[in-house]
Amino acid sequence: MDFDYDGRWFRAVSNSTSGEVGGDTLFSYRQEGNLVWATYSGGSIRLGHLVALMSENGELAMRYHHVNTAGLLQTGVCHSVPSVLPDGRYQLAESWQWTSGDLSAGTSLLEEIIP
């Protein structure tokens, strides 16, 4: 399947305890070719950005940074594996690790929302 992230919106449905993204965080994705990027905010995130390269199977190798509501600048890396839900929306299973702060790692699950 050819994945197209352009114009899609996502929200976290689960996250590890050391993660900062939650159900109130909204991601707005864009794409040109294999270059994918997004802005995100909400919940404990004031403003964040991610940039990724998409593989042929739609997986994303990304880097992200954001400023949280505590005023801290956080950075990390993430590998995102897409799947398609029965209703056609995308789901992203993510493995991530902070490159700042406590350097912990975790997993999260994002699902596409229809704004």
PDB file of N, CA and C in Angstrom:
ATOM      1  N   MET A   1       0.842  -1.191   0.000  1.00  0.00           N
ATOM      2  CA  MET A   1       0.000   0.000   0.000  1.00  0.00           C
ATOM      3  C   MET A   1       0.877   1.241   0.000  1.00  0.00           C
ATOM      4  N   ASP A   2       0.459   2.237  -0.749  1.00  0.00           N
ATOM      5  CA  ASP A   2       1.145   3.526  -0.751  1.00  0.00           C
ATOM      6  C   ASP A   2       0.539   4.406   0.332  1.00  0.00           C
ATOM      7  N   PHE A   3       1.351   4.796   1.293  1.00  0.00           N
ATOM      8  CA  PHE A   3       0.877   5.669   2.366  1.00  0.00           C
ATOM      9  C   PHE A   3       1.058   7.125   1.963  1.00  0.00           C
ATOM     10  N   ASP A   4       0.049   7.929   2.257  1.00  0.00           N
ATOM     11  CA  ASP A   4       0.078   9.355   1.983  1.00  0.00           C
ATOM     12  C   ASP A   4      -0.343  10.069   3.261  1.00  0.00           C
ATOM     13  N   TYR A   5       0.599  10.740   3.901  1.00  0.00           N
ATOM     14  CA  TYR A   5       0.343  11.415   5.170  1.00  0.00           C
ATOM     15  C   TYR A   5      -0.141  12.849   5.000  1.00  0.00           C
ATOM     16  N   ASP A   6      -0.075  13.380   3.799  1.00  0.00           N
ATOM     17  CA  ASP A   6      -0.349  14.800   3.591  1.00  0.00           C
ATOM     18  C   ASP A   6      -1.776  15.160   3.983  1.00  0.00           C
ATOM     19  N   GLY A   7      -1.910  16.157   4.862  1.00  0.00           N
ATOM     20  CA  GLY A   7      -3.213  16.649   5.277  1.00  0.00           C
ATOM     21  C   GLY A   7      -3.904  15.822   6.347  1.00  0.00           C
ATOM     22  N   ARG A   8      -3.232  14.820   6.882  1.00  0.00           N
ATOM     23  CA  ARG A   8      -3.854  13.964   7.904  1.00  0.00           C
ATOM     24  C   ARG A   8      -3.560  14.499   9.307  1.00  0.00           C
ATOM     25  N   TRP A   9      -4.501  14.254  10.215  1.00  0.00           N
ATOM     26  CA  TRP A   9      -4.393  14.670  11.611  1.00  0.00           C
ATOM     27  C   TRP A   9      -4.381  13.431  12.490  1.00  0.00           C
ATOM     28  N   PHE A  10      -3.569  13.465  13.545  1.00  0.00           N
ATOM     29  CA  PHE A  10      -3.450  12.326  14.457  1.00  0.00           C
ATOM     30  C   PHE A  10      -3.563  12.784  15.906  1.00  0.00           C
ATOM     31  N   ARG A  11      -3.966  11.828  16.758  1.00  0.00           N
ATOM     32  CA  ARG A  11      -4.041  12.034  18.208  1.00  0.00           C
ATOM     33  C   ARG A  11      -3.535  10.747  18.875  1.00  0.00           C
ATOM     34  N   ALA A  12      -2.809  10.902  19.974  1.00  0.00           N
ATOM     35  CA  ALA A  12      -2.305   9.738  20.707  1.00  0.00           C
ATOM     36  C   ALA A  12      -3.457   9.037  21.421  1.00  0.00           C
ATOM     37  N   VAL A  13      -3.490   7.707  21.332  1.00  0.00           N
ATOM     38  CA  VAL A  13      -4.456   6.923  22.094  1.00  0.00           C
ATOM     39  C   VAL A  13      -3.773   6.195  23.253  1.00  0.00           C
ATOM     40  N   SER A  14      -2.431   6.097  23.199  1.00  0.00           N
ATOM     41  CA  SER A  14      -1.672   5.561  24.328  1.00  0.00           C
ATOM     42  C   SER A  14      -0.236   6.045  24.220  1.00  0.00           C
ATOM     43  N   ASN A  15       0.453   6.070  25.383  1.00  0.00           N
ATOM     44  CA  ASN A  15       1.847   6.487  25.415  1.00  0.00           C
ATOM     45  C   ASN A  15       2.474   5.955  26.686  1.00  0.00           C
ATOM     46  N   SER A  16       3.769   5.681  26.652  1.00  0.00           N
ATOM     47  CA  SER A  16       4.503   5.267  27.839  1.00  0.00           C
ATOM     48  C   SER A  16       4.515   6.399  28.861  1.00  0.00           C
ATOM     49  N   THR A  17       4.729   6.055  30.119  1.00  0.00           N
ATOM     50  CA  THR A  17       4.636   7.054  31.187  1.00  0.00           C
ATOM     51  C   THR A  17       5.674   8.156  31.062  1.00  0.00           C
ATOM     52  N   SER A  18       6.836   7.886  30.468  1.00  0.00           N
ATOM     53  CA  SER A  18       7.852   8.928  30.343  1.00  0.00           C
ATOM     54  C   SER A  18       7.638   9.813  29.115  1.00  0.00           C
ATOM     55  N   GLY A  19       6.586   9.545  28.346  1.00  0.00           N
ATOM     56  CA  GLY A  19       6.256  10.380  27.197  1.00  0.00           C
ATOM     57  C   GLY A  19       5.465  11.601  27.618  1.00  0.00           C
ATOM     58  N   GLU A  20       5.434  12.603  26.766  1.00  0.00           N
ATOM     59  CA  GLU A  20       4.720  13.841  27.070  1.00  0.00           C
ATOM     60  C   GLU A  20       3.491  14.047  26.190  1.00  0.00           C
ATOM     61  N   VAL A  21       3.387  13.322  25.101  1.00  0.00           N
ATOM     62  CA  VAL A  21       2.251  13.444  24.198  1.00  0.00           C
ATOM     63  C   VAL A  21       1.067  12.687  24.799  1.00  0.00           C
ATOM     64  N   GLY A  22      -0.113  13.300  24.745  1.00  0.00           N
ATOM     65  CA  GLY A  22      -1.316  12.667  25.266  1.00  0.00           C
ATOM     66  C   GLY A  22      -2.491  12.849  24.333  1.00  0.00           C
ATOM     67  N   GLY A  23      -3.660  12.483  24.806  1.00  0.00           N
ATOM     68  CA  GLY A  23      -4.873  12.550  24.003  1.00  0.00           C
ATOM     69  C   GLY A  23      -5.277  13.950  23.593  1.00  0.00           C
ATOM     70  N   ASP A  24      -4.759  14.962  24.285  1.00  0.00           N
ATOM     71  CA  ASP A  24      -5.057  16.354  23.940  1.00  0.00           C
ATOM     72  C   ASP A  24      -4.060  16.946  22.949  1.00  0.00           C
ATOM     73  N   THR A  25      -3.055  16.164  22.556  1.00  0.00           N
ATOM     74  CA  THR A  25      -2.046  16.631  21.605  1.00  0.00           C
ATOM     75  C   THR A  25      -2.491  16.277  20.192  1.00  0.00           C
ATOM     76  N   LEU A  26      -2.556  17.283  19.319  1.00  0.00           N
ATOM     77  CA  LEU A  26      -2.954  17.068  17.930  1.00  0.00           C
ATOM     78  C   LEU A  26      -1.757  17.259  17.009  1.00  0.00           C
ATOM     79  N   PHE A  27      -1.620  16.350  16.048  1.00  0.00           N
ATOM     80  CA  PHE A  27      -0.545  16.367  15.061  1.00  0.00           C
ATOM     81  C   PHE A  27      -1.136  16.657  13.691  1.00  0.00           C
ATOM     82  N   SER A  28      -0.568  17.612  12.972  1.00  0.00           N
ATOM     83  CA  SER A  28      -0.979  17.941  11.611  1.00  0.00           C
ATOM     84  C   SER A  28       0.174  17.580  10.669  1.00  0.00           C
ATOM     85  N   TYR A  29      -0.034  16.555   9.830  1.00  0.00           N
ATOM     86  CA  TYR A  29       1.020  16.029   8.966  1.00  0.00           C
ATOM     87  C   TYR A  29       0.961  16.619   7.566  1.00  0.00           C
ATOM     88  N   ARG A  30       2.135  16.740   6.963  1.00  0.00           N
ATOM     89  CA  ARG A  30       2.304  17.157   5.568  1.00  0.00           C
ATOM     90  C   ARG A  30       3.312  16.213   4.923  1.00  0.00           C
ATOM     91  N   GLN A  31       3.303  16.153   3.603  1.00  0.00           N
ATOM     92  CA  GLN A  31       4.220  15.257   2.898  1.00  0.00           C
ATOM     93  C   GLN A  31       4.505  15.764   1.499  1.00  0.00           C
ATOM     94  N   GLU A  32       5.766  15.637   1.084  1.00  0.00           N
ATOM     95  CA  GLU A  32       6.203  15.836  -0.302  1.00  0.00           C
ATOM     96  C   GLU A  32       7.153  14.701  -0.616  1.00  0.00           C
ATOM     97  N   GLY A  33       6.748  13.777  -1.480  1.00  0.00           N
ATOM     98  CA  GLY A  33       7.569  12.614  -1.778  1.00  0.00           C
ATOM     99  C   GLY A  33       7.784  11.794  -0.513  1.00  0.00           C
ATOM    100  N   ASN A  34       9.047  11.472  -0.233  1.00  0.00           N
ATOM    101  CA  ASN A  34       9.327  10.684   0.972  1.00  0.00           C
ATOM    102  C   ASN A  34       9.637  11.558   2.189  1.00  0.00           C
ATOM    103  N   LEU A  35       9.507  12.875   2.032  1.00  0.00           N
ATOM    104  CA  LEU A  35       9.717  13.803   3.145  1.00  0.00           C
ATOM    105  C   LEU A  35       8.384  14.059   3.840  1.00  0.00           C
ATOM    106  N   VAL A  36       8.341  13.792   5.143  1.00  0.00           N
ATOM    107  CA  VAL A  36       7.128  13.972   5.940  1.00  0.00           C
ATOM    108  C   VAL A  36       7.473  14.876   7.111  1.00  0.00           C
ATOM    109  N   TRP A  37       6.555  15.807   7.448  1.00  0.00           N
ATOM    110  CA  TRP A  37       6.776  16.660   8.607  1.00  0.00           C
ATOM    111  C   TRP A  37       5.434  16.951   9.259  1.00  0.00           C
ATOM    112  N   ALA A  38       5.491  17.399  10.503  1.00  0.00           N
ATOM    113  CA  ALA A  38       4.266  17.728  11.219  1.00  0.00           C
ATOM    114  C   ALA A  38       4.537  18.786  12.262  1.00  0.00           C
ATOM    115  N   THR A  39       3.489  19.494  12.622  1.00  0.00           N
ATOM    116  CA  THR A  39       3.487  20.353  13.801  1.00  0.00           C
ATOM    117  C   THR A  39       2.528  19.714  14.791  1.00  0.00           C
ATOM    118  N   TYR A  40       2.795  19.923  16.075  1.00  0.00           N
ATOM    119  CA  TYR A  40       1.893  19.372  17.084  1.00  0.00           C
ATOM    120  C   TYR A  40       1.855  20.272  18.306  1.00  0.00           C
ATOM    121  N   SER A  41       0.719  20.247  18.990  1.00  0.00           N
ATOM    122  CA  SER A  41       0.528  21.034  20.198  1.00  0.00           C
ATOM    123  C   SER A  41      -0.701  20.504  20.925  1.00  0.00           C
ATOM    124  N   GLY A  42      -0.822  20.941  22.176  1.00  0.00           N
ATOM    125  CA  GLY A  42      -1.963  20.552  22.996  1.00  0.00           C
ATOM    126  C   GLY A  42      -1.545  19.702  24.168  1.00  0.00           C
ATOM    127  N   GLY A  43      -2.350  19.714  25.200  1.00  0.00           N
ATOM    128  CA  GLY A  43      -1.988  18.986  26.414  1.00  0.00           C
ATOM    129  C   GLY A  43      -0.748  19.592  27.025  1.00  0.00           C
ATOM    130  N   SER A  44       0.263  18.782  27.280  1.00  0.00           N
ATOM    131  CA  SER A  44       1.494  19.283  27.899  1.00  0.00           C
ATOM    132  C   SER A  44       2.492  19.832  26.884  1.00  0.00           C
ATOM    133  N   ILE A  45       2.102  19.919  25.614  1.00  0.00           N
ATOM    134  CA  ILE A  45       2.991  20.406  24.553  1.00  0.00           C
ATOM    135  C   ILE A  45       2.536  21.793  24.105  1.00  0.00           C
ATOM    136  N   ARG A  46       3.421  22.784  24.278  1.00  0.00           N
ATOM    137  CA  ARG A  46       3.108  24.127  23.762  1.00  0.00           C
ATOM    138  C   ARG A  46       3.224  24.153  22.251  1.00  0.00           C
ATOM    139  N   LEU A  47       4.359  23.662  21.729  1.00  0.00           N
ATOM    140  CA  LEU A  47       4.576  23.617  20.285  1.00  0.00           C
ATOM    141  C   LEU A  47       5.661  22.609  19.981  1.00  0.00           C
ATOM    142  N   GLY A  48       5.411  21.791  18.961  1.00  0.00           N
ATOM    143  CA  GLY A  48       6.401  20.803  18.545  1.00  0.00           C
ATOM    144  C   GLY A  48       6.431  20.641  17.044  1.00  0.00           C
ATOM    145  N   HIS A  49       7.550  20.098  16.563  1.00  0.00           N
ATOM    146  CA  HIS A  49       7.738  19.807  15.142  1.00  0.00           C
ATOM    147  C   HIS A  49       8.403  18.436  15.017  1.00  0.00           C
ATOM    148  N   LEU A  50       8.096  17.753  13.943  1.00  0.00           N
ATOM    149  CA  LEU A  50       8.833  16.542  13.621  1.00  0.00           C
ATOM    150  C   LEU A  50       9.142  16.550  12.136  1.00  0.00           C
ATOM    151  N   VAL A  51      10.215  15.883  11.782  1.00  0.00           N
ATOM    152  CA  VAL A  51      10.589  15.706  10.384  1.00  0.00           C
ATOM    153  C   VAL A  51      10.994  14.252  10.224  1.00  0.00           C
ATOM    154  N   ALA A  52      10.566  13.652   9.087  1.00  0.00           N
ATOM    155  CA  ALA A  52      10.790  12.218   8.903  1.00  0.00           C
ATOM    156  C   ALA A  52      11.066  11.908   7.438  1.00  0.00           C
ATOM    157  N   LEU A  53      11.728  10.791   7.261  1.00  0.00           N
ATOM    158  CA  LEU A  53      11.874  10.199   5.940  1.00  0.00           C
ATOM    159  C   LEU A  53      11.021   8.934   5.912  1.00  0.00           C
ATOM    160  N   MET A  54      10.214   8.802   4.862  1.00  0.00           N
ATOM    161  CA  MET A  54       9.325   7.658   4.728  1.00  0.00           C
ATOM    162  C   MET A  54       9.975   6.595   3.854  1.00  0.00           C
ATOM    163  N   SER A  55       9.938   5.358   4.331  1.00  0.00           N
ATOM    164  CA  SER A  55      10.447   4.240   3.538  1.00  0.00           C
ATOM    165  C   SER A  55       9.377   3.801   2.538  1.00  0.00           C
ATOM    166  N   GLU A  56       9.723   2.850   1.676  1.00  0.00           N
ATOM    167  CA  GLU A  56       8.784   2.387   0.649  1.00  0.00           C
ATOM    168  C   GLU A  56       7.539   1.752   1.244  1.00  0.00           C
ATOM    169  N   ASN A  57       7.639   1.198   2.464  1.00  0.00           N
ATOM    170  CA  ASN A  57       6.469   0.573   3.089  1.00  0.00           C
ATOM    171  C   ASN A  57       5.707   1.527   4.011  1.00  0.00           C
ATOM    172  N   GLY A  58       6.050   2.814   3.982  1.00  0.00           N
ATOM    173  CA  GLY A  58       5.327   3.818   4.743  1.00  0.00           C
ATOM    174  C   GLY A  58       5.852   4.082   6.139  1.00  0.00           C
ATOM    175  N   GLU A  59       6.872   3.326   6.569  1.00  0.00           N
ATOM    176  CA  GLU A  59       7.444   3.559   7.895  1.00  0.00           C
ATOM    177  C   GLU A  59       8.175   4.891   7.925  1.00  0.00           C
ATOM    178  N   LEU A  60       8.157   5.525   9.095  1.00  0.00           N
ATOM    179  CA  LEU A  60       8.771   6.840   9.253  1.00  0.00           C
ATOM    180  C   LEU A  60       9.947   6.772  10.213  1.00  0.00           C
ATOM    181  N   ALA A  61      11.100   7.281   9.776  1.00  0.00           N
ATOM    182  CA  ALA A  61      12.266   7.480  10.640  1.00  0.00           C
ATOM    183  C   ALA A  61      12.312   8.967  10.928  1.00  0.00           C
ATOM    184  N   MET A  62      12.032   9.342  12.176  1.00  0.00           N
ATOM    185  CA  MET A  62      11.833  10.765  12.454  1.00  0.00           C
ATOM    186  C   MET A  62      12.682  11.284  13.600  1.00  0.00           C
ATOM    187  N   ARG A  63      12.790  12.583  13.605  1.00  0.00           N
ATOM    188  CA  ARG A  63      13.374  13.357  14.702  1.00  0.00           C
ATOM    189  C   ARG A  63      12.327  14.373  15.115  1.00  0.00           C
ATOM    190  N   TYR A  64      12.242  14.634  16.411  1.00  0.00           N
ATOM    191  CA  TYR A  64      11.244  15.583  16.874  1.00  0.00           C
ATOM    192  C   TYR A  64      11.819  16.497  17.944  1.00  0.00           C
ATOM    193  N   HIS A  65      11.185  17.650  18.099  1.00  0.00           N
ATOM    194  CA  HIS A  65      11.516  18.564  19.188  1.00  0.00           C
ATOM    195  C   HIS A  65      10.251  19.325  19.568  1.00  0.00           C
ATOM    196  N   HIS A  66      10.159  19.661  20.843  1.00  0.00           N
ATOM    197  CA  HIS A  66       9.027  20.475  21.286  1.00  0.00           C
ATOM    198  C   HIS A  66       9.376  21.215  22.564  1.00  0.00           C
ATOM    199  N   VAL A  67       8.562  22.220  22.857  1.00  0.00           N
ATOM    200  CA  VAL A  67       8.621  22.926  24.128  1.00  0.00           C
ATOM    201  C   VAL A  67       7.359  22.534  24.891  1.00  0.00           C
ATOM    202  N   ASN A  68       7.555  22.048  26.117  1.00  0.00           N
ATOM    203  CA  ASN A  68       6.397  21.625  26.905  1.00  0.00           C
ATOM    204  C   ASN A  68       5.880  22.774  27.765  1.00  0.00           C
ATOM    205  N   THR A  69       4.791  22.533  28.474  1.00  0.00           N
ATOM    206  CA  THR A  69       4.174  23.590  29.270  1.00  0.00           C
ATOM    207  C   THR A  69       5.021  23.964  30.490  1.00  0.00           C
ATOM    208  N   ALA A  70       6.012  23.146  30.827  1.00  0.00           N
ATOM    209  CA  ALA A  70       6.951  23.495  31.896  1.00  0.00           C
ATOM    210  C   ALA A  70       8.063  24.408  31.380  1.00  0.00           C
ATOM    211  N   GLY A  71       8.071  24.678  30.061  1.00  0.00           N
ATOM    212  CA  GLY A  71       9.075  25.554  29.470  1.00  0.00           C
ATOM    213  C   GLY A  71      10.360  24.855  29.097  1.00  0.00           C
ATOM    214  N   LEU A  72      10.353  23.511  29.051  1.00  0.00           N
ATOM    215  CA  LEU A  72      11.554  22.750  28.697  1.00  0.00           C
ATOM    216  C   LEU A  72      11.550  22.415  27.214  1.00  0.00           C
ATOM    217  N   LEU A  73      12.721  22.488  26.591  1.00  0.00           N
ATOM    218  CA  LEU A  73      12.914  22.066  25.208  1.00  0.00           C
ATOM    219  C   LEU A  73      13.300  20.595  25.227  1.00  0.00           C
ATOM    220  N   GLN A  74      12.508  19.756  24.576  1.00  0.00           N
ATOM    221  CA  GLN A  74      12.730  18.316  24.552  1.00  0.00           C
ATOM    222  C   GLN A  74      13.006  17.874  23.115  1.00  0.00           C
ATOM    223  N   THR A  75      13.868  16.870  22.951  1.00  0.00           N
ATOM    224  CA  THR A  75      14.193  16.337  21.628  1.00  0.00           C
ATOM    225  C   THR A  75      14.196  14.819  21.678  1.00  0.00           C
ATOM    226  N   GLY A  76      13.984  14.200  20.507  1.00  0.00           N
ATOM    227  CA  GLY A  76      14.001  12.746  20.483  1.00  0.00           C
ATOM    228  C   GLY A  76      13.997  12.190  19.077  1.00  0.00           C
ATOM    229  N   VAL A  77      14.052  10.862  19.032  1.00  0.00           N
ATOM    230  CA  VAL A  77      13.994  10.105  17.786  1.00  0.00           C
ATOM    231  C   VAL A  77      12.826   9.132  17.887  1.00  0.00           C
ATOM    232  N   CYS A  78      12.281   8.767  16.724  1.00  0.00           N
ATOM    233  CA  CYS A  78      11.115   7.890  16.720  1.00  0.00           C
ATOM    234  C   CYS A  78      11.092   7.069  15.442  1.00  0.00           C
ATOM    235  N   HIS A  79      10.639   5.830  15.570  1.00  0.00           N
ATOM    236  CA  HIS A  79      10.370   4.975  14.412  1.00  0.00           C
ATOM    237  C   HIS A  79       8.885   4.661  14.444  1.00  0.00           C
ATOM    238  N   SER A  80       8.194   4.968  13.363  1.00  0.00           N
ATOM    239  CA  SER A  80       6.749   4.848  13.304  1.00  0.00           C
ATOM    240  C   SER A  80       6.354   3.848  12.223  1.00  0.00           C
ATOM    241  N   VAL A  81       5.509   2.868  12.600  1.00  0.00           N
ATOM    242  CA  VAL A  81       5.049   1.829  11.673  1.00  0.00           C
ATOM    243  C   VAL A  81       3.545   2.013  11.447  1.00  0.00           C
ATOM    244  N   PRO A  82       3.142   2.289  10.202  1.00  0.00           N
ATOM    245  CA  PRO A  82       1.727   2.538   9.934  1.00  0.00           C
ATOM    246  C   PRO A  82       0.943   1.252   9.672  1.00  0.00           C
ATOM    247  N   SER A  83      -0.340   1.337   9.957  1.00  0.00           N
ATOM    248  CA  SER A  83      -1.295   0.313   9.541  1.00  0.00           C
ATOM    249  C   SER A  83      -2.601   1.035   9.221  1.00  0.00           C
ATOM    250  N   VAL A  84      -3.528   0.330   8.607  1.00  0.00           N
ATOM    251  CA  VAL A  84      -4.803   0.930   8.236  1.00  0.00           C
ATOM    252  C   VAL A  84      -5.902   0.255   9.052  1.00  0.00           C
ATOM    253  N   LEU A  85      -6.680   1.064   9.752  1.00  0.00           N
ATOM    254  CA  LEU A  85      -7.799   0.565  10.546  1.00  0.00           C
ATOM    255  C   LEU A  85      -8.932   0.130   9.624  1.00  0.00           C
ATOM    256  N   PRO A  86      -9.865  -0.689  10.116  1.00  0.00           N
ATOM    257  CA  PRO A  86     -10.969  -1.160   9.261  1.00  0.00           C
ATOM    258  C   PRO A  86     -11.770  -0.042   8.601  1.00  0.00           C
ATOM    259  N   ASP A  87     -11.835   1.137   9.245  1.00  0.00           N
ATOM    260  CA  ASP A  87     -12.590   2.249   8.659  1.00  0.00           C
ATOM    261  C   ASP A  87     -11.754   3.110   7.711  1.00  0.00           C
ATOM    262  N   GLY A  88     -10.485   2.688   7.452  1.00  0.00           N
ATOM    263  CA  GLY A  88      -9.637   3.392   6.490  1.00  0.00           C
ATOM    264  C   GLY A  88      -8.695   4.413   7.097  1.00  0.00           C
ATOM    265  N   ARG A  89      -8.868   4.732   8.381  1.00  0.00           N
ATOM    266  CA  ARG A  89      -7.965   5.680   9.034  1.00  0.00           C
ATOM    267  C   ARG A  89      -6.618   5.010   9.295  1.00  0.00           C
ATOM    268  N   TYR A  90      -5.573   5.843   9.374  1.00  0.00           N
ATOM    269  CA  TYR A  90      -4.235   5.339   9.669  1.00  0.00           C
ATOM    270  C   TYR A  90      -4.042   5.204  11.180  1.00  0.00           C
ATOM    271  N   GLN A  91      -3.214   4.224  11.541  1.00  0.00           N
ATOM    272  CA  GLN A  91      -2.755   4.058  12.913  1.00  0.00           C
ATOM    273  C   GLN A  91      -1.235   3.968  12.869  1.00  0.00           C
ATOM    274  N   LEU A  92      -0.564   4.630  13.811  1.00  0.00           N
ATOM    275  CA  LEU A  92       0.894   4.652  13.850  1.00  0.00           C
ATOM    276  C   LEU A  92       1.374   4.047  15.162  1.00  0.00           C
ATOM    277  N   ALA A  93       2.093   2.922  15.068  1.00  0.00           N
ATOM    278  CA  ALA A  93       2.718   2.302  16.235  1.00  0.00           C
ATOM    279  C   ALA A  93       4.146   2.817  16.307  1.00  0.00           C
ATOM    280  N   GLU A  94       4.467   3.505  17.398  1.00  0.00           N
ATOM    281  CA  GLU A  94       5.736   4.222  17.473  1.00  0.00           C
ATOM    282  C   GLU A  94       6.625   3.715  18.605  1.00  0.00           C
ATOM    283  N   SER A  95       7.905   3.634  18.297  1.00  0.00           N
ATOM    284  CA  SER A  95       8.950   3.384  19.289  1.00  0.00           C
ATOM    285  C   SER A  95       9.828   4.627  19.302  1.00  0.00           C
ATOM    286  N   TRP A  96      10.006   5.217  20.493  1.00  0.00           N
ATOM    287  CA  TRP A  96      10.708   6.491  20.559  1.00  0.00           C
ATOM    288  C   TRP A  96      11.721   6.496  21.700  1.00  0.00           C
ATOM    289  N   GLN A  97      12.637   7.457  21.624  1.00  0.00           N
ATOM    290  CA  GLN A  97      13.599   7.664  22.701  1.00  0.00           C
ATOM    291  C   GLN A  97      13.953   9.139  22.775  1.00  0.00           C
ATOM    292  N   TRP A  98      13.975   9.640  24.005  1.00  0.00           N
ATOM    293  CA  TRP A  98      14.418  11.015  24.220  1.00  0.00           C
ATOM    294  C   TRP A  98      15.911  11.124  23.939  1.00  0.00           C
ATOM    295  N   THR A  99      16.317  12.231  23.324  1.00  0.00           N
ATOM    296  CA  THR A  99      17.742  12.549  23.177  1.00  0.00           C
ATOM    297  C   THR A  99      18.096  13.717  24.085  1.00  0.00           C
ATOM    298  N   SER A 100      17.166  14.081  24.952  1.00  0.00           N
ATOM    299  CA  SER A 100      17.373  15.103  25.975  1.00  0.00           C
ATOM    300  C   SER A 100      16.741  14.580  27.260  1.00  0.00           C
ATOM    301  N   GLY A 101      16.930  15.320  28.331  1.00  0.00           N
ATOM    302  CA  GLY A 101      16.324  14.914  29.598  1.00  0.00           C
ATOM    303  C   GLY A 101      16.855  13.587  30.099  1.00  0.00           C
ATOM    304  N   ASP A 102      15.951  12.677  30.458  1.00  0.00           N
ATOM    305  CA  ASP A 102      16.371  11.411  31.072  1.00  0.00           C
ATOM    306  C   ASP A 102      16.766  10.330  30.072  1.00  0.00           C
ATOM    307  N   LEU A 103      16.670  10.602  28.781  1.00  0.00           N
ATOM    308  CA  LEU A 103      17.062   9.682  27.706  1.00  0.00           C
ATOM    309  C   LEU A 103      16.257   8.377  27.705  1.00  0.00           C
ATOM    310  N   SER A 104      15.098   8.371  28.366  1.00  0.00           N
ATOM    311  CA  SER A 104      14.284   7.165  28.421  1.00  0.00           C
ATOM    312  C   SER A 104      13.661   6.868  27.058  1.00  0.00           C
ATOM    313  N   ALA A 105      13.154   5.648  26.920  1.00  0.00           N
ATOM    314  CA  ALA A 105      12.518   5.200  25.687  1.00  0.00           C
ATOM    315  C   ALA A 105      11.110   4.726  26.002  1.00  0.00           C
ATOM    316  N   GLY A 106      10.283   4.644  24.964  1.00  0.00           N
ATOM    317  CA  GLY A 106       8.925   4.181  25.166  1.00  0.00           C
ATOM    318  C   GLY A 106       8.228   3.882  23.857  1.00  0.00           C
ATOM    319  N   THR A 107       6.945   3.631  23.960  1.00  0.00           N
ATOM    320  CA  THR A 107       6.116   3.365  22.793  1.00  0.00           C
ATOM    321  C   THR A 107       4.853   4.206  22.887  1.00  0.00           C
ATOM    322  N   SER A 108       4.303   4.510  21.744  1.00  0.00           N
ATOM    323  CA  SER A 108       3.031   5.223  21.698  1.00  0.00           C
ATOM    324  C   SER A 108       2.232   4.715  20.510  1.00  0.00           C
ATOM    325  N   LEU A 109       0.929   4.967  20.553  1.00  0.00           N
ATOM    326  CA  LEU A 109       0.034   4.587  19.477  1.00  0.00           C
ATOM    327  C   LEU A 109      -0.790   5.812  19.112  1.00  0.00           C
ATOM    328  N   LEU A 110      -0.702   6.220  17.841  1.00  0.00           N
ATOM    329  CA  LEU A 110      -1.458   7.368  17.353  1.00  0.00           C
ATOM    330  C   LEU A 110      -2.503   6.867  16.363  1.00  0.00           C
ATOM    331  N   GLU A 111      -3.659   7.524  16.353  1.00  0.00           N
ATOM    332  CA  GLU A 111      -4.688   7.204  15.377  1.00  0.00           C
ATOM    333  C   GLU A 111      -5.112   8.470  14.662  1.00  0.00           C
ATOM    334  N   GLU A 112      -5.385   8.312  13.371  1.00  0.00           N
ATOM    335  CA  GLU A 112      -5.853   9.435  12.574  1.00  0.00           C
ATOM    336  C   GLU A 112      -7.222   9.879  13.067  1.00  0.00           C
ATOM    337  N   ILE A 113      -7.422  11.192  13.088  1.00  0.00           N
ATOM    338  CA  ILE A 113      -8.729  11.765  13.398  1.00  0.00           C
ATOM    339  C   ILE A 113      -9.192  12.555  12.192  1.00  0.00           C
ATOM    340  N   ILE A 114     -10.486  12.701  12.067  1.00  0.00           N
ATOM    341  CA  ILE A 114     -11.051  13.500  10.987  1.00  0.00           C
ATOM    342  C   ILE A 114     -11.455  14.832  11.591  1.00  0.00           C
ATOM    343  N   PRO A 115     -10.710  15.925  11.278  1.00  0.00           N
ATOM    344  CA  PRO A 115     -11.022  17.212  11.921  1.00  0.00           C
ATOM    345  C   PRO A 115     -12.366  17.770  11.481  1.00  0.00           C
TER     346      PRO A 115
END
